Amino acid sequence: MLLQHEEYQSSFDKAIACMVECEHCAEACMGNPDMTKCARMCLDTAEGCRSLATLMVRGSYFIAPHAKACAEVCETCANECEKHSSSHCKKCAEACRTAAEAYRQIAKVAVSA
């Protein structure tokens, strides 16, 4: 029998990968006044991904609306990170774009409340 959260395993993995890259990017950007916006966006995006991953594990009724919002947040974060040349920003942007695509897909099929 497939547990509720197992149907989201691929998206869960992408959420965790995005969260990790965002946390790493934020840490690397902290302390640089020119990177404050990037660091803050990364922290907020990481929190959204963490929250969505938790909802997926629970098989929550709120996966679809949260996934839709997280896709938008990830795209915004990716746009910010792509403005910078550092490798950690590039990796973060890539992880955000990958997660956003997965989130858009699950937002279409997840059961809402």
C-alpha atoms as a PDB file:
ATOM      1  CA  MET A   1       0.000   0.000   0.000  1.00  0.00           C
ATOM      2  CA  LEU A   2       1.314   3.441  -0.949  1.00  0.00           C
ATOM      3  CA  LEU A   3       1.414   5.823   1.989  1.00  0.00           C
ATOM      4  CA  GLN A   4      -0.004   9.282   1.267  1.00  0.00           C
ATOM      5  CA  HIS A   5       3.342  11.023   1.427  1.00  0.00           C
ATOM      6  CA  GLU A   6       5.055   8.526  -0.886  1.00  0.00           C
ATOM      7  CA  GLU A   7       3.159   9.852  -3.902  1.00  0.00           C
ATOM      8  CA  TYR A   8       5.017  13.138  -3.341  1.00  0.00           C
ATOM      9  CA  GLN A   9       8.481  11.601  -2.859  1.00  0.00           C
ATOM     10  CA  SER A  10      10.055  13.179  -5.943  1.00  0.00           C
ATOM     11  CA  SER A  11       8.646  16.610  -5.096  1.00  0.00           C
ATOM     12  CA  PHE A  12       9.632  16.142  -1.465  1.00  0.00           C
ATOM     13  CA  ASP A  13      13.214  15.448  -2.542  1.00  0.00           C
ATOM     14  CA  LYS A  14      13.218  18.594  -4.697  1.00  0.00           C
ATOM     15  CA  ALA A  15      11.816  20.637  -1.810  1.00  0.00           C
ATOM     16  CA  ILE A  16      14.562  19.440   0.518  1.00  0.00           C
ATOM     17  CA  ALA A  17      17.257  20.046  -2.117  1.00  0.00           C
ATOM     18  CA  CYS A  18      15.958  23.572  -2.684  1.00  0.00           C
ATOM     19  CA  MET A  19      15.785  24.246   1.045  1.00  0.00           C
ATOM     20  CA  VAL A  20      19.406  23.136   1.472  1.00  0.00           C
ATOM     21  CA  GLU A  21      20.686  25.242  -1.441  1.00  0.00           C
ATOM     22  CA  CYS A  22      18.741  28.279  -0.216  1.00  0.00           C
ATOM     23  CA  GLU A  23      20.121  27.917   3.312  1.00  0.00           C
ATOM     24  CA  HIS A  24      23.636  27.539   1.913  1.00  0.00           C
ATOM     25  CA  CYS A  25      23.239  30.576  -0.348  1.00  0.00           C
ATOM     26  CA  ALA A  26      21.850  32.701   2.483  1.00  0.00           C
ATOM     27  CA  GLU A  27      24.739  31.749   4.752  1.00  0.00           C
ATOM     28  CA  ALA A  28      27.275  32.579   2.046  1.00  0.00           C
ATOM     29  CA  CYS A  29      25.618  35.949   1.323  1.00  0.00           C
ATOM     30  CA  MET A  30      25.299  37.065   4.956  1.00  0.00           C
ATOM     31  CA  GLY A  31      27.661  39.775   6.024  1.00  0.00           C
ATOM     32  CA  ASN A  32      27.855  41.274   2.539  1.00  0.00           C
ATOM     33  CA  PRO A  33      25.670  44.404   2.503  1.00  0.00           C
ATOM     34  CA  ASP A  34      25.173  44.081  -1.256  1.00  0.00           C
ATOM     35  CA  MET A  35      23.711  40.603  -0.774  1.00  0.00           C
ATOM     36  CA  THR A  36      21.158  41.303   1.976  1.00  0.00           C
ATOM     37  CA  LYS A  37      18.149  40.993  -0.339  1.00  0.00           C
ATOM     38  CA  CYS A  38      19.451  37.705  -1.737  1.00  0.00           C
ATOM     39  CA  ALA A  39      20.118  36.272   1.732  1.00  0.00           C
ATOM     40  CA  ARG A  40      16.677  37.229   3.022  1.00  0.00           C
ATOM     41  CA  MET A  41      14.920  35.833  -0.039  1.00  0.00           C
ATOM     42  CA  CYS A  42      16.833  32.596   0.287  1.00  0.00           C
ATOM     43  CA  LEU A  43      15.891  32.244   3.949  1.00  0.00           C
ATOM     44  CA  ASP A  44      12.209  32.845   3.195  1.00  0.00           C
ATOM     45  CA  THR A  45      12.299  30.413   0.285  1.00  0.00           C
ATOM     46  CA  ALA A  46      13.997  27.761   2.414  1.00  0.00           C
ATOM     47  CA  GLU A  47      11.264  28.129   5.016  1.00  0.00           C
ATOM     48  CA  GLY A  48       8.535  27.754   2.391  1.00  0.00           C
ATOM     49  CA  CYS A  49      10.163  24.614   1.003  1.00  0.00           C
ATOM     50  CA  ARG A  50      10.581  23.189   4.503  1.00  0.00           C
ATOM     51  CA  SER A  51       6.922  23.838   5.239  1.00  0.00           C
ATOM     52  CA  LEU A  52       5.768  22.279   1.971  1.00  0.00           C
ATOM     53  CA  ALA A  53       7.915  19.197   2.602  1.00  0.00           C
ATOM     54  CA  THR A  54       6.242  18.803   5.993  1.00  0.00           C
ATOM     55  CA  LEU A  55       2.780  19.096   4.437  1.00  0.00           C
ATOM     56  CA  MET A  56       3.697  16.455   1.851  1.00  0.00           C
ATOM     57  CA  VAL A  57       4.841  14.043   4.569  1.00  0.00           C
ATOM     58  CA  ARG A  58       1.505  14.510   6.324  1.00  0.00           C
ATOM     59  CA  GLY A  59      -0.542  14.173   3.140  1.00  0.00           C
ATOM     60  CA  SER A  60      -2.097  17.514   4.050  1.00  0.00           C
ATOM     61  CA  TYR A  61      -5.151  18.968   2.351  1.00  0.00           C
ATOM     62  CA  PHE A  62      -3.170  22.200   1.949  1.00  0.00           C
ATOM     63  CA  ILE A  63      -0.469  20.837  -0.353  1.00  0.00           C
ATOM     64  CA  ALA A  64      -1.944  22.331  -3.548  1.00  0.00           C
ATOM     65  CA  PRO A  65      -2.313  25.952  -2.403  1.00  0.00           C
ATOM     66  CA  HIS A  66       1.015  25.891  -0.582  1.00  0.00           C
ATOM     67  CA  ALA A  67       2.744  24.358  -3.606  1.00  0.00           C
ATOM     68  CA  LYS A  68       1.326  27.080  -5.838  1.00  0.00           C
ATOM     69  CA  ALA A  69       2.607  29.802  -3.519  1.00  0.00           C
ATOM     70  CA  CYS A  70       5.984  28.102  -3.115  1.00  0.00           C
ATOM     71  CA  ALA A  71       6.407  27.889  -6.893  1.00  0.00           C
ATOM     72  CA  GLU A  72       6.038  31.662  -7.102  1.00  0.00           C
ATOM     73  CA  VAL A  73       8.418  32.211  -4.198  1.00  0.00           C
ATOM     74  CA  CYS A  74      11.018  29.887  -5.743  1.00  0.00           C
ATOM     75  CA  GLU A  75      10.812  31.677  -9.087  1.00  0.00           C
ATOM     76  CA  THR A  76      11.292  35.044  -7.387  1.00  0.00           C
ATOM     77  CA  CYS A  77      14.271  33.734  -5.440  1.00  0.00           C
ATOM     78  CA  ALA A  78      15.788  32.242  -8.598  1.00  0.00           C
ATOM     79  CA  ASN A  79      15.442  35.593 -10.367  1.00  0.00           C
ATOM     80  CA  GLU A  80      17.278  37.316  -7.523  1.00  0.00           C
ATOM     81  CA  CYS A  81      20.037  34.729  -7.326  1.00  0.00           C
ATOM     82  CA  GLU A  82      20.595  34.860 -11.079  1.00  0.00           C
ATOM     83  CA  LYS A  83      21.577  38.520 -10.748  1.00  0.00           C
ATOM     84  CA  HIS A  84      24.758  37.421  -8.939  1.00  0.00           C
ATOM     85  CA  SER A  85      27.825  35.646 -10.280  1.00  0.00           C
ATOM     86  CA  SER A  86      28.733  33.499  -7.284  1.00  0.00           C
ATOM     87  CA  SER A  87      28.527  29.730  -7.673  1.00  0.00           C
ATOM     88  CA  HIS A  88      26.300  29.358  -4.606  1.00  0.00           C
ATOM     89  CA  CYS A  89      23.762  31.771  -6.113  1.00  0.00           C
ATOM     90  CA  LYS A  90      23.806  29.881  -9.418  1.00  0.00           C
ATOM     91  CA  LYS A  91      23.236  26.555  -7.637  1.00  0.00           C
ATOM     92  CA  CYS A  92      20.442  28.079  -5.584  1.00  0.00           C
ATOM     93  CA  ALA A  93      18.732  29.499  -8.666  1.00  0.00           C
ATOM     94  CA  GLU A  94      18.885  26.111 -10.365  1.00  0.00           C
ATOM     95  CA  ALA A  95      17.439  24.319  -7.323  1.00  0.00           C
ATOM     96  CA  CYS A  96      14.684  26.930  -7.060  1.00  0.00           C
ATOM     97  CA  ARG A  97      13.692  26.538 -10.717  1.00  0.00           C
ATOM     98  CA  THR A  98      13.649  22.736 -10.400  1.00  0.00           C
ATOM     99  CA  ALA A  99      11.519  22.928  -7.252  1.00  0.00           C
ATOM    100  CA  ALA A 100       9.149  25.491  -8.784  1.00  0.00           C
ATOM    101  CA  GLU A 101       8.447  23.191 -11.721  1.00  0.00           C
ATOM    102  CA  ALA A 102       7.736  20.268  -9.387  1.00  0.00           C
ATOM    103  CA  TYR A 103       5.508  22.466  -7.225  1.00  0.00           C
ATOM    104  CA  ARG A 104       3.464  23.619 -10.217  1.00  0.00           C
ATOM    105  CA  GLN A 105       2.880  19.983 -11.158  1.00  0.00           C
ATOM    106  CA  ILE A 106       1.735  18.896  -7.709  1.00  0.00           C
ATOM    107  CA  ALA A 107      -0.436  22.009  -7.332  1.00  0.00           C
ATOM    108  CA  LYS A 108      -2.423  20.724 -10.324  1.00  0.00           C
ATOM    109  CA  VAL A 109      -3.010  17.232  -8.941  1.00  0.00           C
ATOM    110  CA  ALA A 110      -2.950  17.505  -5.148  1.00  0.00           C
ATOM    111  CA  VAL A 111      -6.267  17.285  -3.355  1.00  0.00           C
ATOM    112  CA  SER A 112      -7.257  20.587  -1.764  1.00  0.00           C
ATOM    113  CA  ALA A 113      -9.365  21.083   1.336  1.00  0.00           C
END
